[in-house]
N, C-alpha and C. Protein backbone atom coordinates (compact mmCIF):
# COMPACT_ATOMS: atom_id res chain seq x y z
N MET A 1 131.26 188.85 6.35
CA MET A 1 132.12 189.92 5.90
C MET A 1 131.68 190.31 4.49
N THR A 2 131.63 191.59 4.21
CA THR A 2 131.23 192.08 2.91
C THR A 2 132.41 192.81 2.27
N LEU A 3 132.69 192.46 1.02
CA LEU A 3 133.75 193.09 0.26
C LEU A 3 133.20 193.55 -1.07
N THR A 4 133.77 194.60 -1.61
CA THR A 4 133.43 195.05 -2.95
C THR A 4 134.58 194.67 -3.86
N VAL A 5 134.24 194.04 -4.97
CA VAL A 5 135.25 193.55 -5.91
C VAL A 5 134.99 194.16 -7.27
N GLU A 6 136.04 194.66 -7.90
CA GLU A 6 135.94 195.16 -9.27
C GLU A 6 136.40 194.05 -10.21
N ILE A 7 135.55 193.65 -11.11
CA ILE A 7 135.86 192.58 -12.05
C ILE A 7 136.64 193.18 -13.22
N LEU A 8 137.85 192.68 -13.44
CA LEU A 8 138.70 193.17 -14.52
C LEU A 8 138.67 192.25 -15.73
N ASN A 9 138.19 191.04 -15.54
CA ASN A 9 138.20 190.05 -16.60
C ASN A 9 136.94 189.21 -16.46
N THR A 10 136.29 188.90 -17.57
CA THR A 10 135.05 188.13 -17.50
C THR A 10 135.27 186.73 -16.92
N ASN A 11 136.49 186.22 -17.04
CA ASN A 11 136.78 184.90 -16.46
C ASN A 11 136.66 184.95 -14.94
N ALA A 12 136.97 186.09 -14.36
CA ALA A 12 136.86 186.23 -12.91
C ALA A 12 135.40 186.12 -12.48
N LEU A 13 134.49 186.65 -13.27
CA LEU A 13 133.07 186.53 -12.95
C LEU A 13 132.63 185.07 -12.99
N ASN A 14 133.16 184.32 -13.94
CA ASN A 14 132.86 182.89 -14.01
C ASN A 14 133.37 182.17 -12.77
N LEU A 15 134.58 182.52 -12.32
CA LEU A 15 135.12 181.91 -11.11
C LEU A 15 134.26 182.23 -9.89
N LEU A 16 133.84 183.49 -9.79
CA LEU A 16 132.99 183.87 -8.67
C LEU A 16 131.66 183.13 -8.71
N SER A 17 131.13 182.96 -9.90
CA SER A 17 129.88 182.22 -10.04
C SER A 17 130.06 180.77 -9.60
N ASP A 18 131.18 180.15 -9.97
CA ASP A 18 131.48 178.78 -9.54
C ASP A 18 131.60 178.71 -8.02
N MET A 19 132.23 179.71 -7.43
CA MET A 19 132.37 179.73 -5.97
C MET A 19 131.00 179.87 -5.30
N GLU A 20 130.10 180.60 -5.94
CA GLU A 20 128.75 180.75 -5.40
C GLU A 20 128.03 179.40 -5.44
N HIS A 21 128.20 178.66 -6.53
CA HIS A 21 127.56 177.35 -6.65
C HIS A 21 128.09 176.37 -5.60
N LEU A 22 129.32 176.55 -5.17
CA LEU A 22 129.90 175.70 -4.13
C LEU A 22 129.55 176.18 -2.72
N ASP A 23 128.69 177.20 -2.64
CA ASP A 23 128.28 177.79 -1.36
C ASP A 23 129.46 178.33 -0.56
N LEU A 24 130.45 178.88 -1.27
CA LEU A 24 131.59 179.51 -0.61
C LEU A 24 131.36 181.00 -0.44
N ILE A 25 130.64 181.60 -1.39
CA ILE A 25 130.36 183.03 -1.35
C ILE A 25 128.92 183.25 -1.80
N ARG A 26 128.42 184.46 -1.59
CA ARG A 26 127.11 184.85 -2.09
C ARG A 26 127.29 186.13 -2.89
N LEU A 27 126.81 186.10 -4.12
CA LEU A 27 126.86 187.28 -4.97
C LEU A 27 125.55 188.03 -4.82
N ASN A 28 125.61 189.33 -4.59
CA ASN A 28 124.42 190.14 -4.51
C ASN A 28 123.85 190.33 -5.91
N ALA A 29 122.57 190.59 -6.00
CA ALA A 29 121.91 190.75 -7.28
C ALA A 29 122.54 191.87 -8.09
N SER A 30 122.98 192.92 -7.42
CA SER A 30 123.57 194.04 -8.16
C SER A 30 124.91 193.67 -8.78
N THR A 31 125.61 192.70 -8.20
CA THR A 31 126.89 192.30 -8.77
C THR A 31 126.73 191.28 -9.88
N LYS A 32 125.56 190.65 -9.96
CA LYS A 32 125.36 189.65 -11.00
C LYS A 32 125.09 190.29 -12.35
N THR A 33 124.58 191.49 -12.36
CA THR A 33 124.31 192.16 -13.62
C THR A 33 125.61 192.76 -14.15
N THR A 34 125.84 192.56 -15.40
CA THR A 34 127.05 193.11 -16.01
C THR A 34 126.73 194.45 -16.61
N THR A 35 127.61 195.38 -16.41
CA THR A 35 127.43 196.70 -16.99
C THR A 35 128.46 196.90 -18.08
N THR A 36 128.04 197.50 -19.15
CA THR A 36 128.97 197.79 -20.23
C THR A 36 129.37 199.25 -20.15
N SER A 37 130.62 199.47 -20.33
CA SER A 37 131.14 200.83 -20.28
C SER A 37 130.90 201.51 -21.61
N SER A 38 130.51 202.77 -21.54
CA SER A 38 130.30 203.51 -22.78
C SER A 38 131.61 204.09 -23.30
N LYS A 39 132.70 203.98 -22.48
CA LYS A 39 134.00 204.47 -22.92
C LYS A 39 134.61 203.51 -23.93
N LYS A 40 135.32 204.08 -24.88
CA LYS A 40 136.05 203.24 -25.82
C LYS A 40 137.23 202.61 -25.10
N LEU A 41 137.57 201.39 -25.48
CA LEU A 41 138.69 200.71 -24.85
C LEU A 41 139.99 201.46 -25.07
N SER A 42 140.13 202.08 -26.24
CA SER A 42 141.36 202.81 -26.51
C SER A 42 141.55 203.96 -25.52
N SER A 43 140.48 204.63 -25.14
CA SER A 43 140.62 205.71 -24.17
C SER A 43 140.77 205.17 -22.76
N GLU A 44 140.19 204.00 -22.51
CA GLU A 44 140.30 203.41 -21.17
C GLU A 44 141.72 202.93 -20.88
N PHE A 45 142.37 202.39 -21.90
CA PHE A 45 143.70 201.82 -21.68
C PHE A 45 144.83 202.72 -22.17
N ALA A 46 144.52 203.88 -22.66
CA ALA A 46 145.56 204.81 -23.13
C ALA A 46 146.46 205.17 -21.96
N GLY A 47 147.76 204.99 -22.15
CA GLY A 47 148.72 205.31 -21.11
C GLY A 47 148.86 204.25 -20.04
N ALA A 48 148.27 203.06 -20.23
CA ALA A 48 148.32 202.01 -19.22
C ALA A 48 149.73 201.43 -19.09
N LEU A 49 150.48 201.42 -20.17
CA LEU A 49 151.85 200.94 -20.12
C LEU A 49 152.77 202.09 -19.75
N LYS A 50 153.44 201.97 -18.65
CA LYS A 50 154.38 203.00 -18.22
C LYS A 50 155.78 202.56 -18.66
N LEU A 51 156.18 203.01 -19.84
CA LEU A 51 157.44 202.58 -20.43
C LEU A 51 158.40 203.76 -20.55
N THR A 52 159.68 203.44 -20.39
CA THR A 52 160.69 204.45 -20.67
C THR A 52 160.82 204.56 -22.19
N ASP A 53 161.54 205.56 -22.66
CA ASP A 53 161.72 205.72 -24.10
C ASP A 53 162.36 204.49 -24.73
N THR A 54 163.35 203.92 -24.05
CA THR A 54 164.04 202.73 -24.56
C THR A 54 163.08 201.55 -24.62
N GLN A 55 162.30 201.36 -23.57
CA GLN A 55 161.34 200.26 -23.54
C GLN A 55 160.26 200.45 -24.61
N TYR A 56 159.82 201.70 -24.81
CA TYR A 56 158.81 201.99 -25.81
C TYR A 56 159.32 201.67 -27.21
N LYS A 57 160.56 202.06 -27.51
CA LYS A 57 161.14 201.78 -28.82
C LYS A 57 161.28 200.27 -29.04
N ALA A 58 161.72 199.55 -28.00
CA ALA A 58 161.85 198.10 -28.11
C ALA A 58 160.48 197.46 -28.33
N TYR A 59 159.47 197.95 -27.63
CA TYR A 59 158.11 197.45 -27.78
C TYR A 59 157.59 197.68 -29.20
N GLN A 60 157.81 198.89 -29.72
CA GLN A 60 157.37 199.21 -31.07
C GLN A 60 158.11 198.36 -32.11
N ASN A 61 159.41 198.11 -31.90
CA ASN A 61 160.17 197.25 -32.81
C ASN A 61 159.62 195.83 -32.81
N THR A 62 159.29 195.32 -31.63
CA THR A 62 158.73 193.98 -31.51
C THR A 62 157.39 193.90 -32.22
N LEU A 63 156.54 194.91 -32.03
CA LEU A 63 155.25 194.94 -32.73
C LEU A 63 155.44 194.94 -34.24
N GLN A 64 156.39 195.74 -34.71
CA GLN A 64 156.63 195.81 -36.16
C GLN A 64 157.13 194.47 -36.68
N GLU A 65 158.02 193.81 -35.95
CA GLU A 65 158.51 192.49 -36.36
C GLU A 65 157.36 191.49 -36.44
N ASN A 66 156.47 191.55 -35.44
CA ASN A 66 155.32 190.64 -35.45
C ASN A 66 154.41 190.92 -36.64
N ARG A 67 154.20 192.18 -36.95
CA ARG A 67 153.37 192.52 -38.10
C ARG A 67 154.02 192.05 -39.40
N ASN A 68 155.34 192.17 -39.49
CA ASN A 68 156.06 191.73 -40.68
C ASN A 68 155.97 190.23 -40.88
N GLU A 69 155.81 189.48 -39.81
CA GLU A 69 155.66 188.02 -39.92
C GLU A 69 154.43 187.66 -40.74
N TRP A 70 153.39 188.47 -40.65
CA TRP A 70 152.18 188.18 -41.40
C TRP A 70 152.40 188.39 -42.90
N GLU A 71 153.30 189.25 -43.25
CA GLU A 71 153.58 189.54 -44.66
C GLU A 71 154.58 188.54 -45.26
N ARG A 72 155.22 187.76 -44.41
CA ARG A 72 156.24 186.84 -44.87
C ARG A 72 155.62 185.71 -45.69
N ASN A 73 156.24 185.38 -46.80
CA ASN A 73 155.80 184.28 -47.62
C ASN A 73 156.29 182.97 -47.02
N ILE A 74 155.39 182.08 -46.64
CA ILE A 74 155.80 180.86 -45.95
C ILE A 74 155.88 179.65 -46.88
N PHE A 75 155.67 179.86 -48.18
CA PHE A 75 155.72 178.74 -49.11
C PHE A 75 157.10 178.54 -49.65
């Protein structure tokens, strides 16, 4: 059986490679080569989070709180 798989995370490629070493699957030569996207990550992931206005505001507040933690004096 032949399937086409889109790798979303480099760890998945490592898992597939391990499965190949165990003779569970065979990776074709074209799938072994990694391709780098010329798109910027910001444009690739823009709009990936589908949030309502309330969720967006809560998310932004959480981000701001996390950023403020770095400015906090811990001594």
